[in-house]
Each structure stands twice: as C-alpha cells, then as structure tokens.
C-alpha cells in the first residue's frame, strides 16, 4: 500500500535536492503517492497569495506526513518564516536534529552521534514583539510554558528510551533567566524522575556550546528551548560537516514534517551543484516514521558506503559530481542493499 505524503519542493535549490531524494526513495521500492505543492513562500507572494497557502497545511493535516525542501525566508523584512508558520499552525512542537558523522568528511571529530531536541513553538520565536518608534526600543518576550516544556522534554526522554539512547542533557540559562529558563529546568528535573533508566544532567547554554566543540562524543540527546535549540542545532551540524549533510524533522502529536534544514542557496540554483544529502537523511527519518525500517537501513548503509568510497560526491564535500550523478549513484547502491 502506498504512503500518502505531502511534498513541498521549496525554492532555490529545493526542487533539485527534492528530485534527487525522490530518486533515492524510488530505489527502495517503497511506494508513495505525493500531493505536491510548488507554490509556497516567495513564489506564492509573487502570485499575490499568502506565503503559506491554506491548501498546504490542509494537505498535511489530511496525510499526516510531509517532506519539505528549503524555502527562502526574507531577512529583516518581508513575510514571517514559512517554516515557523508551519510549526505553529500544525503544533509541531518537537524539532529533532540528528547529527551523525559520515565517513570521508573533513571534520575535527569522528564518530559523532548526538541528537538535538528543540522546543519548536514558543520561547523567543513565539513572535511576541513590540516596537516603540518614538524611543526606538524593540522588545521581544520569551514565552515558556509548563505545558510546552513538559511535552518537548517528555518527547526527548521517550525517544531516548525507545531508541536505546542512555543520556539526556538539558541546556538552559537558569542562572540568569530564573523564571523562563528556570521553569524549563524545573520541568526537566521532574520529568527525568519518570525515566529512571535514562541518565539526566543539565548544562548552562554557554558552557554547553563550549562542551560541544571540545568533547562532543560525551553527549547523546540534548534538549532545549527554541532559540537555544536553534543555535545548538547548527553548532552540532558543524561538527559533522555542516547543514548540507544534516537531517531534520518536526513532530507534533498528529503530524510530522521532514525537512532539509539548510538554506535555499539561490546563487547556485539550477547549476547541479547542490548536495541532496540533508534531505535524503531527512527522508530516512521519514521512512523510519512510516515503519519502513528495511528501506531506511538500506539508504543509511548505502549513503555511508558512497561517502566512504568518496568517488561520487558533490563539490561541497570534496567531490566533482553533479546533484543528479550523486543521486543516481546512491540510488544504485540502495537497490543493491534492498536486493541483498
């Protein structure tokens, strides 16, 4: 039976990395029926439509799962991030970012395997801002709620327990932000008591950043509030080769959106230079979510083999192959894995 999934190719390099990812998924033999929405973000605004047309979240609500390429977000002006809007409208409160080393990538560290769990709907990203034009003062309110804190921390512990991860670290700034970060830390300590088989510790956010660039192998699952989690996610991605090779997913109680977490890179769009690895790894997460375990393992194994061989890679990771060449080569390896 085919899986019904919403497909958002995005813009910039989005259509290219999406096409490459679909080729790899095709190689698994898993059947999909895609509900494709190309008009979103800037392309929607150009057609005088909302940047997040209502038919997009409606499609995800109907199907429950989406695969999304990068979508351009204007900096400092223009519309609110489509990514943020999707998370808030669908209540996708858990952003999950595995940061796992690939062989052959030039990095100061090897064998990194950690996951960032970021609260996705509140904190400083709640959008509670005011501006006093007379005094030229801008204020932003970081909204941290008990409910929001409980569900992301519980999601992290539950994931750790179900996936054989042994330690959860909570990152906070409770020494200074005693009410907002203090609440998050308090809730974390309470929920940790429900999972006695999972180790728990906490780190002040600045120390957490230092620890990650010195001893990243010591960390397993890291959970934090929205802004801190956003920063830690990119930092951790840098440990394994950057955003171009890092998967991402957004989960709520009812829906899941799997996405490339890198930008839309319009400067190289259409040139065949884009690396589709990030979206392919996100698609692996989607396969796991859909209980297509064999296919997920096949893509993971093939991806590691292709990187270890180093013969067919895109330029950003030291190769000279195009997006399509990389995808076709990887797809062939996936077919071999599925047939084994």
Protein backbone atom coordinates (compact mmCIF):
# COMPACT_ATOMS: atom_id res chain seq x y z
CA UNK A 1 0.00 0.00 0.00
CA UNK A 2 1.35 3.42 -0.98
CA UNK A 3 2.10 6.06 1.64
CA UNK A 4 0.23 9.33 1.07
CA UNK A 5 2.65 12.19 1.72
CA UNK A 6 2.58 15.94 1.12
CA UNK A 7 5.57 17.12 -0.93
CA UNK A 8 6.91 20.69 -0.71
CA UNK A 9 9.90 21.03 -3.08
CA UNK A 10 10.57 24.61 -1.91
CA UNK A 11 12.57 27.13 -3.92
CA UNK A 12 16.19 27.87 -4.84
CA UNK A 13 17.95 24.50 -4.82
CA UNK A 14 14.86 22.93 -3.25
CA UNK A 15 13.47 21.34 -6.44
CA UNK A 16 16.89 19.86 -7.29
CA UNK A 17 17.55 18.23 -3.91
CA UNK A 18 13.91 17.09 -3.77
CA UNK A 19 14.16 15.42 -7.18
CA UNK A 20 17.37 13.68 -6.08
CA UNK A 21 15.73 12.49 -2.87
CA UNK A 22 12.72 11.11 -4.73
CA UNK A 23 15.07 9.14 -6.97
CA UNK A 24 16.68 7.55 -3.92
CA UNK A 25 13.29 6.80 -2.36
CA UNK A 26 12.19 5.21 -5.64
CA UNK A 27 15.20 2.89 -5.42
CA UNK A 28 13.90 1.47 -2.11
CA UNK A 29 10.77 0.13 -3.80
CA UNK A 30 8.58 1.78 -1.18
CA UNK A 31 5.51 3.25 -2.86
CA UNK A 32 4.43 6.85 -2.34
CA UNK A 33 1.57 8.97 -3.58
CA UNK A 34 2.76 12.57 -3.45
CA UNK A 35 0.50 15.59 -3.07
CA UNK A 36 2.88 18.21 -4.47
CA UNK A 37 2.64 21.93 -3.64
CA UNK A 38 5.13 24.09 -5.53
CA UNK A 39 3.54 27.48 -4.82
CA UNK A 40 4.72 28.47 -1.34
CA UNK A 41 6.84 31.24 0.17
CA UNK A 42 8.21 33.76 -2.34
CA UNK A 43 6.52 32.09 -5.31
CA UNK A 44 3.16 32.36 -3.56
CA UNK A 45 3.70 36.03 -2.70
CA UNK A 46 4.59 36.75 -6.33
CA UNK A 47 1.18 35.37 -7.28
CA UNK A 48 -0.45 37.60 -4.63
CA UNK A 49 -1.25 34.63 -2.40
CA UNK A 50 -0.34 34.13 1.27
CA UNK A 51 3.21 32.87 1.70
CA UNK A 52 1.69 29.78 3.34
CA UNK A 53 -1.40 28.98 1.24
CA UNK A 54 -4.15 27.26 3.23
CA UNK A 55 -4.05 24.22 0.98
CA UNK A 56 -0.56 23.32 2.27
CA UNK A 57 -1.37 22.77 5.98
CA UNK A 58 -4.71 21.27 4.89
CA UNK A 59 -2.84 18.67 2.83
CA UNK A 60 -0.54 17.82 5.75
CA UNK A 61 -3.50 17.50 8.12
CA UNK A 62 -5.12 15.06 5.69
CA UNK A 63 -1.98 12.95 5.09
CA UNK A 64 -0.20 13.35 8.40
CA UNK A 65 3.28 13.44 6.87
CA UNK A 66 5.22 15.89 4.67
CA UNK A 67 8.63 16.03 3.02
CA UNK A 68 9.87 19.59 2.57
CA UNK A 69 12.75 21.19 0.69
CA UNK A 70 14.27 24.55 1.71
CA UNK A 71 12.11 27.67 1.47
CA UNK A 72 13.62 31.17 1.34
CA UNK A 73 12.94 33.41 4.35
CA UNK A 74 13.42 37.18 3.85
CA UNK A 75 15.95 38.63 6.30
CA UNK A 76 14.91 41.65 8.38
CA UNK A 77 11.73 42.33 6.41
CA UNK A 78 9.00 40.64 4.41
CA UNK A 79 6.86 37.70 5.45
CA UNK A 80 7.28 35.55 8.55
CA UNK A 81 9.23 32.34 8.02
CA UNK A 82 7.07 29.68 6.38
CA UNK A 83 8.92 27.11 8.50
CA UNK A 84 7.87 28.86 11.70
CA UNK A 85 4.30 29.28 10.46
CA UNK A 86 4.00 25.59 9.60
CA UNK A 87 5.30 24.58 13.03
CA UNK A 88 2.86 26.86 14.82
CA UNK A 89 -0.21 26.10 12.70
CA UNK A 90 0.30 22.33 12.91
CA UNK A 91 1.59 22.45 16.50
CA UNK A 92 4.84 20.71 15.54
CA UNK A 93 6.39 21.25 18.92
CA UNK A 94 9.43 18.96 18.63
CA UNK A 95 12.27 19.77 16.24
CA UNK A 96 14.60 16.78 16.05
CA UNK A 97 18.07 17.16 14.52
CA UNK A 98 20.34 14.08 14.49
CA UNK A 99 23.99 15.00 13.96
CA UNK A 100 25.78 11.84 12.86
CA UNK A 101 29.23 11.63 11.28
CA UNK A 102 29.68 10.38 7.72
CA UNK A 103 32.95 8.73 6.66
CA UNK A 104 35.29 10.74 4.48
CA UNK A 105 34.06 14.20 5.53
CA UNK A 106 36.84 16.54 6.64
CA UNK A 107 35.98 17.32 10.26
CA UNK A 108 37.95 17.69 13.51
CA UNK A 109 35.79 14.94 15.02
CA UNK A 110 34.86 11.37 14.16
CA UNK A 111 32.07 9.10 15.31
CA UNK A 112 29.72 11.88 16.41
CA UNK A 113 26.22 10.59 17.11
CA UNK A 114 24.08 13.05 19.02
CA UNK A 115 20.58 14.47 18.64
CA UNK A 116 19.28 17.97 19.40
CA UNK A 117 15.65 18.20 20.58
CA UNK A 118 14.43 21.77 20.23
CA UNK A 119 11.14 23.15 21.52
CA UNK A 120 9.53 24.45 18.35
CA UNK A 121 6.52 26.67 19.07
CA UNK A 122 7.23 29.12 21.88
CA UNK A 123 10.23 30.80 23.56
CA UNK A 124 11.55 33.87 21.72
CA UNK A 125 10.06 32.50 18.50
CA UNK A 126 6.53 32.97 19.83
CA UNK A 127 6.56 36.28 17.95
CA UNK A 128 5.58 38.46 20.91
CA UNK A 129 7.32 41.69 19.92
CA UNK A 130 6.68 45.42 20.30
CA UNK A 131 8.44 48.46 18.90
CA UNK A 132 8.35 51.98 20.37
CA UNK A 133 9.06 54.16 17.34
CA UNK A 134 9.44 57.32 19.43
CA UNK A 135 12.16 55.90 21.66
CA UNK A 136 13.36 53.34 19.10
CA UNK A 137 13.11 50.50 21.57
CA UNK A 138 12.29 46.95 20.47
CA UNK A 139 11.11 44.32 22.95
CA UNK A 140 10.75 40.56 22.48
CA UNK A 141 9.12 38.29 25.05
CA UNK A 142 10.33 34.72 25.50
CA UNK A 143 7.22 32.76 26.42
CA UNK A 144 8.00 29.50 28.23
CA UNK A 145 5.03 27.47 29.49
CA UNK A 146 4.85 24.40 31.69
CA UNK A 147 2.86 22.55 29.02
CA UNK A 148 5.34 23.46 26.27
CA UNK A 149 8.28 22.47 28.43
CA UNK A 150 6.72 19.19 29.54
CA UNK A 151 5.90 17.94 26.09
CA UNK A 152 9.31 18.61 24.49
CA UNK A 153 11.26 17.18 27.43
CA UNK A 154 8.96 14.16 27.62
CA UNK A 155 9.32 13.69 23.84
CA UNK A 156 13.10 13.67 24.23
CA UNK A 157 13.11 11.15 27.09
CA UNK A 158 10.58 8.92 25.33
CA UNK A 159 12.69 8.96 22.16
CA UNK A 160 15.83 8.17 24.13
CA UNK A 161 14.19 5.25 25.90
CA UNK A 162 12.67 3.76 22.73
CA UNK A 163 15.86 4.12 20.70
CA UNK A 164 18.41 2.87 23.21
CA UNK A 165 19.94 6.27 23.96
CA UNK A 166 21.20 6.42 27.52
CA UNK A 167 21.62 10.10 28.43
CA UNK A 168 19.58 13.32 28.18
CA UNK A 169 21.23 16.70 28.74
CA UNK A 170 19.04 19.78 29.24
CA UNK A 171 20.56 23.10 28.11
CA UNK A 172 19.32 26.27 29.83
CA UNK A 173 20.24 29.68 31.24
CA UNK A 174 18.51 29.35 34.58
CA UNK A 175 21.36 31.08 36.41
CA UNK A 176 20.30 34.38 34.77
CA UNK A 177 16.81 33.81 33.34
CA UNK A 178 15.48 32.45 36.60
CA UNK A 179 11.80 32.42 35.66
CA UNK A 180 11.71 31.30 32.00
CA UNK A 181 14.80 29.06 31.86
CA UNK A 182 14.20 28.22 35.50
CA UNK A 183 10.78 26.79 34.65
CA UNK A 184 12.23 24.73 31.81
CA UNK A 185 14.91 23.28 34.07
CA UNK A 186 12.42 22.57 36.86
CA UNK A 187 10.15 20.68 34.47
CA UNK A 188 13.13 18.79 33.07
CA UNK A 189 14.14 17.56 36.51
CA UNK A 190 10.56 16.48 37.25
CA UNK A 191 10.20 14.50 34.03
CA UNK A 192 13.64 12.89 34.45
CA UNK A 193 12.26 11.13 37.54
CA UNK A 194 9.76 9.29 35.29
CA UNK A 195 12.62 7.75 33.29
CA UNK A 196 14.97 6.20 35.87
CA UNK A 197 16.69 4.10 33.18
CA UNK A 198 17.83 7.23 31.27
CA UNK A 199 20.66 9.32 32.74
CA UNK A 200 19.94 13.03 33.14
CA UNK A 201 22.13 16.09 33.54
CA UNK A 202 21.95 19.78 32.68
CA UNK A 203 24.30 22.40 31.28
CA UNK A 204 24.18 26.20 31.17
CA UNK A 205 23.87 27.10 27.49
CA UNK A 206 27.20 28.89 27.08
CA UNK A 207 29.01 26.01 28.76
CA UNK A 208 27.03 23.60 26.59
CA UNK A 209 28.39 25.29 23.46
CA UNK A 210 31.95 25.05 24.74
CA UNK A 211 31.49 21.41 25.71
CA UNK A 212 30.20 20.54 22.24
CA UNK A 213 33.24 21.93 20.46
CA UNK A 214 35.62 20.25 22.88
CA UNK A 215 34.04 16.92 23.86
CA UNK A 216 31.07 16.25 21.53
CA UNK A 217 31.43 12.46 21.88
CA UNK A 218 30.34 12.77 25.51
CA UNK A 219 26.81 13.86 24.54
CA UNK A 220 23.82 11.87 23.38
CA UNK A 221 20.40 13.59 23.48
CA UNK A 222 20.30 17.34 24.15
CA UNK A 223 17.01 19.16 24.78
CA UNK A 224 16.50 22.91 24.99
CA UNK A 225 14.16 25.82 24.41
CA UNK A 226 13.51 27.27 20.98
CA UNK A 227 16.31 29.82 20.48
CA UNK A 228 18.97 27.86 22.34
CA UNK A 229 17.96 24.72 20.48
CA UNK A 230 18.18 26.53 17.16
CA UNK A 231 21.73 27.67 17.88
CA UNK A 232 22.83 24.28 19.22
CA UNK A 233 21.39 22.54 16.15
CA UNK A 234 23.61 24.48 13.76
CA UNK A 235 26.62 24.17 16.05
CA UNK A 236 26.18 20.39 16.20
CA UNK A 237 25.70 20.22 12.43
CA UNK A 238 29.09 21.90 12.06
CA UNK A 239 30.68 19.02 13.96
CA UNK A 240 29.68 16.53 11.25
CA UNK A 241 30.20 18.55 8.07
CA UNK A 242 27.54 21.26 8.08
CA UNK A 243 23.86 21.73 7.28
CA UNK A 244 24.27 20.15 3.87
CA UNK A 245 24.57 16.69 5.43
CA UNK A 246 22.28 17.06 8.46
CA UNK A 247 18.73 15.73 8.69
CA UNK A 248 15.80 17.46 10.39
CA UNK A 249 12.22 16.68 11.37
CA UNK A 250 9.33 18.40 13.12
CA UNK A 251 6.88 16.32 15.16
CA UNK A 252 3.56 17.06 16.80
CA UNK A 253 1.02 14.71 18.30
CA UNK A 254 -0.72 14.28 14.94
CA UNK A 255 1.64 15.38 12.15
CA UNK A 256 5.28 15.13 11.09
CA UNK A 257 7.24 17.26 8.60
CA UNK A 258 10.66 16.06 7.45
CA UNK A 259 12.86 18.79 6.01
CA UNK A 260 16.23 19.94 4.77
CA UNK A 261 17.45 22.38 7.42
CA UNK A 262 19.85 24.29 5.17
CA UNK A 263 19.02 27.40 3.15
CA UNK A 264 17.66 27.65 -0.37
CA UNK A 265 21.02 28.83 -1.83
CA UNK A 266 19.52 30.71 -4.81
CA UNK A 267 23.03 31.61 -6.02
CA UNK A 268 23.66 28.01 -7.13
CA UNK A 269 20.09 27.03 -8.03
CA UNK A 270 19.77 25.20 -11.33
CA UNK A 271 23.51 24.54 -11.66
CA UNK A 272 23.57 20.94 -10.43
CA UNK A 273 25.90 21.82 -7.56
CA UNK A 274 23.54 21.23 -4.63
CA UNK A 275 24.19 18.39 -2.18
CA UNK A 276 20.94 16.47 -1.52
CA UNK A 277 22.34 14.53 1.47
CA UNK A 278 20.47 16.56 4.10
CA UNK A 279 17.06 15.94 2.55
CA UNK A 280 17.93 12.30 1.84
CA UNK A 281 18.81 11.80 5.51
CA UNK A 282 15.54 13.52 6.45
CA UNK A 283 13.74 11.09 4.14
CA UNK A 284 15.42 8.25 6.06
CA UNK A 285 13.82 9.64 9.21
CA UNK A 286 10.51 9.68 7.35
CA UNK A 287 10.93 6.04 6.32
CA UNK A 288 11.52 5.10 9.96
CA UNK A 289 8.44 7.09 10.97
CA UNK A 290 6.41 5.14 8.38
CA UNK A 291 7.79 1.84 9.75
CA UNK A 292 9.73 1.20 6.54
CA UNK A 293 12.72 0.03 8.57
CA UNK A 294 14.43 -2.07 5.90
CA UNK A 295 14.33 0.79 3.40
CA UNK A 296 15.65 3.27 5.98
CA UNK A 297 18.56 0.98 6.83
CA UNK A 298 19.30 0.41 3.14
CA UNK A 299 19.57 4.13 2.42
CA UNK A 300 21.69 4.72 5.53
CA UNK A 301 24.08 1.92 4.65
CA UNK A 302 24.33 2.96 1.00
CA UNK A 303 24.94 6.59 1.97
CA UNK A 304 27.78 5.66 4.30
CA UNK A 305 29.29 3.40 1.64
CA UNK A 306 29.16 6.14 -1.01
CA UNK A 307 30.79 8.66 1.31
CA UNK A 308 33.42 6.15 2.43
CA UNK A 309 34.35 5.43 -1.20
CA UNK A 310 34.50 9.16 -1.95
CA UNK A 311 34.29 8.62 -5.72
CA UNK A 312 30.89 10.21 -6.48
CA UNK A 313 30.28 13.22 -4.23
CA UNK A 314 29.24 16.82 -4.74
CA UNK A 315 31.79 19.63 -4.62
CA UNK A 316 30.91 20.86 -1.12
CA UNK A 317 32.22 17.59 0.35
CA UNK A 318 35.28 17.29 -1.86
CA UNK A 319 33.85 15.66 -4.98
CA UNK A 320 33.18 16.79 -8.53
CA UNK A 321 29.85 15.12 -9.31
CA UNK A 322 26.54 16.84 -10.00
CA UNK A 323 23.43 16.55 -7.87
CA UNK A 324 21.92 14.10 -10.35
CA UNK A 325 25.07 11.99 -10.68
CA UNK A 326 25.31 11.65 -6.91
CA UNK A 327 21.63 10.70 -6.63
CA UNK A 328 21.83 8.09 -9.41
CA UNK A 329 24.96 6.55 -7.91
CA UNK A 330 23.41 6.40 -4.46
CA UNK A 331 20.15 5.00 -5.85
CA UNK A 332 22.06 2.15 -7.49
CA UNK A 333 23.67 1.30 -4.14
CA UNK A 334 20.28 1.42 -2.42
CA UNK A 335 18.87 -1.03 -4.96
CA UNK A 336 21.76 -3.39 -4.18
CA UNK A 337 21.09 -3.11 -0.45
CA UNK A 338 17.37 -3.78 -0.90
CA UNK A 339 18.13 -6.84 -3.01
CA UNK A 340 20.66 -8.27 -0.55
